[in-house]
Amino acid sequence: MSTRSPTLRERIEILRATGVPVSSADEKRVGDSIAASLVSLDSAVKGSLFDTEPQTFDVVMRKLAKPTGGKS
């Protein structure tokens, strides 16, 4: 089963539906902040986050697979 993250528009609509006031200026600031963060992340991380430490990925996956929910 595949899940997707809600879009910015959907998140803002959820806030408005619960009574949280969100102005169009707030909406623009949040959108601009997210866009800038994604650009920075893209320029900082090329390829997979696990390219340099594949063993780290394996360790995390093994911990998450434990029936205790990954807690040791």
Protein backbone atom coordinates (compact mmCIF):
# COMPACT_ATOMS: atom_id res chain seq x y z
CA MET A 1 0.00 0.00 0.00
CA SER A 2 1.48 3.30 -1.05
CA THR A 3 0.86 6.50 0.85
CA ARG A 4 1.68 10.01 -0.23
CA SER A 5 2.33 13.13 1.76
CA PRO A 6 -0.32 15.83 1.56
CA THR A 7 0.49 18.76 -0.69
CA LEU A 8 1.05 22.23 0.71
CA ARG A 9 -2.43 23.23 -0.46
CA GLU A 10 -3.99 20.22 1.30
CA ARG A 11 -2.12 20.97 4.53
CA ILE A 12 -3.28 24.58 4.51
CA GLU A 13 -6.87 23.48 3.87
CA ILE A 14 -6.65 21.11 6.87
CA LEU A 15 -5.46 24.00 9.05
CA ARG A 16 -8.26 26.24 7.83
CA ALA A 17 -10.84 23.47 8.36
CA THR A 18 -9.75 23.11 11.99
CA GLY A 19 -10.09 26.84 12.57
CA VAL A 20 -6.43 27.88 12.42
CA PRO A 21 -6.26 31.26 10.69
CA VAL A 22 -3.90 31.15 7.68
CA SER A 23 -3.58 34.28 5.59
CA SER A 24 -2.42 34.32 1.99
CA ALA A 25 0.81 35.96 3.23
CA ASP A 26 1.33 33.01 5.64
CA GLU A 27 0.66 30.61 2.79
CA LYS A 28 3.26 32.33 0.59
CA ARG A 29 5.87 32.38 3.39
CA VAL A 30 5.40 28.67 4.08
CA GLY A 31 5.55 27.81 0.37
CA ASP A 32 8.68 29.92 -0.14
CA SER A 33 10.34 28.35 2.90
CA ILE A 34 9.60 24.82 1.71
CA ALA A 35 10.82 25.60 -1.81
CA ALA A 36 14.08 27.08 -0.47
CA SER A 37 14.61 24.07 1.80
CA LEU A 38 14.12 21.63 -1.06
CA VAL A 39 16.55 23.53 -3.29
CA SER A 40 19.15 23.55 -0.48
CA LEU A 41 18.67 19.86 0.22
CA ASP A 42 18.96 19.02 -3.46
CA SER A 43 22.22 20.94 -3.79
CA ALA A 44 23.66 19.49 -0.56
CA VAL A 45 22.76 15.85 -1.20
CA LYS A 46 23.53 14.36 -4.56
CA GLY A 47 22.31 10.83 -5.15
CA SER A 48 21.21 8.68 -2.25
CA LEU A 49 21.68 9.75 1.34
CA PHE A 50 23.12 6.27 1.89
CA ASP A 51 25.67 6.28 -0.96
CA THR A 52 28.62 6.85 1.37
CA GLU A 53 27.54 4.54 4.19
CA PRO A 54 25.60 1.55 2.85
CA GLN A 55 26.21 -0.34 6.09
CA THR A 56 24.37 2.38 8.03
CA PHE A 57 21.33 1.79 5.83
CA ASP A 58 21.49 -1.96 6.50
CA VAL A 59 21.75 -1.40 10.27
CA VAL A 60 18.74 0.94 10.28
CA MET A 61 16.67 -1.47 8.19
CA ARG A 62 17.50 -4.37 10.54
CA LYS A 63 16.52 -2.29 13.58
CA LEU A 64 13.24 -1.27 11.97
CA ALA A 65 12.49 -4.90 11.11
CA LYS A 66 12.65 -6.01 14.75
CA PRO A 67 9.25 -6.77 16.32
CA THR A 68 10.00 -4.27 19.12
CA GLY A 69 9.56 -1.41 16.64
CA GLY A 70 13.26 -0.79 16.27
CA LYS A 71 13.93 -0.14 19.95
CA SER A 72 16.86 -1.95 21.50
